[in-house]
Amino acid sequence: MEVDQKEQNSKLRSSLMRLLARREHSRQELFKKMLIRGFDEGLIQPNIDDFTERNWQSDARYASMLLRSRVLKCQ
């Protein structure tokens, strides 16, 4: 991996971490947000995969959070 790509990868991982520190996000949400921010599509998916393997990102937790928030809005 060349220096510029390593730097972009580092910035991508920092962006993913900042987003996940605020709230849960689905894989699809993270992918779209990183594309909008101009990150290379080829770097996004492997990093999201890594975050998921480390259990830093979870679609199950995201779905649970979403359901919980919708239920609370109805009360």
Protein backbone atom coordinates (compact mmCIF):
# COMPACT_ATOMS: atom_id res chain seq x y z
CA MET A 1 0.00 0.00 0.00
CA GLU A 2 1.53 3.32 -1.02
CA VAL A 3 1.85 6.27 1.38
CA ASP A 4 -1.15 8.20 0.01
CA GLN A 5 -3.34 5.11 0.18
CA LYS A 6 -2.17 4.40 3.74
CA GLU A 7 -3.05 7.96 4.71
CA GLN A 8 -6.49 7.69 3.07
CA ASN A 9 -7.05 4.35 4.81
CA SER A 10 -6.16 5.92 8.16
CA LYS A 11 -8.53 8.85 7.57
CA LEU A 12 -11.26 6.44 6.51
CA ARG A 13 -10.89 4.37 9.67
CA SER A 14 -10.96 7.54 11.79
CA SER A 15 -14.15 8.68 10.07
CA LEU A 16 -15.78 5.30 10.61
CA MET A 17 -14.77 5.32 14.27
CA ARG A 18 -16.12 8.85 14.84
CA LEU A 19 -19.48 7.92 13.30
CA LEU A 20 -19.77 4.73 15.34
CA ALA A 21 -18.79 6.54 18.54
CA ARG A 22 -21.89 8.72 18.21
CA ARG A 23 -24.43 5.98 17.42
CA GLU A 24 -24.87 2.65 15.68
CA HIS A 25 -24.83 2.69 11.87
CA SER A 26 -25.69 -0.03 9.39
CA ARG A 27 -23.03 -1.28 6.98
CA GLN A 28 -24.96 0.30 4.12
CA GLU A 29 -25.18 3.66 5.92
CA LEU A 30 -21.45 3.68 6.61
CA PHE A 31 -20.64 2.74 3.02
CA LYS A 32 -22.80 5.54 1.61
CA LYS A 33 -21.41 8.12 4.03
CA MET A 34 -17.83 7.20 3.18
CA LEU A 35 -18.57 7.42 -0.56
CA ILE A 36 -20.08 10.88 -0.06
CA ARG A 37 -16.93 11.90 1.81
CA GLY A 38 -14.89 10.91 -1.22
CA PHE A 39 -13.14 7.79 0.02
CA ASP A 40 -12.04 5.13 -2.46
CA GLU A 41 -14.73 2.48 -2.85
CA GLY A 42 -12.05 -0.23 -2.82
CA LEU A 43 -10.94 0.82 0.67
CA ILE A 44 -14.37 1.26 2.20
CA GLN A 45 -15.70 -2.29 2.12
CA PRO A 46 -12.61 -4.03 3.56
CA ASN A 47 -12.52 -1.54 6.43
CA ILE A 48 -16.22 -1.95 7.19
CA ASP A 49 -15.66 -5.73 7.08
CA ASP A 50 -12.82 -5.34 9.59
CA PHE A 51 -14.97 -3.17 11.88
CA THR A 52 -17.73 -5.80 11.72
CA GLU A 53 -15.30 -8.65 12.48
CA ARG A 54 -14.07 -6.72 15.51
CA ASN A 55 -17.72 -6.18 16.53
CA TRP A 56 -17.28 -2.40 16.34
CA GLN A 57 -20.09 -2.33 13.77
CA SER A 58 -23.16 -4.52 14.00
CA ASP A 59 -26.27 -4.50 11.84
CA ALA A 60 -28.06 -6.37 14.65
CA ARG A 61 -27.25 -3.62 17.17
CA TYR A 62 -28.26 -1.01 14.59
CA ALA A 63 -31.63 -2.74 14.03
CA SER A 64 -32.19 -2.98 17.78
CA MET A 65 -31.40 0.72 18.25
CA LEU A 66 -33.70 1.66 15.38
CA LEU A 67 -36.56 -0.45 16.71
CA ARG A 68 -36.10 0.92 20.21
CA SER A 69 -36.18 4.53 18.99
CA ARG A 70 -39.31 3.91 16.89
CA VAL A 71 -41.10 2.26 19.80
CA LEU A 72 -40.23 5.16 22.12
CA LYS A 73 -41.61 7.65 19.59
CA CYS A 74 -44.97 5.87 19.69
CA GLN A 75 -45.31 6.04 23.47
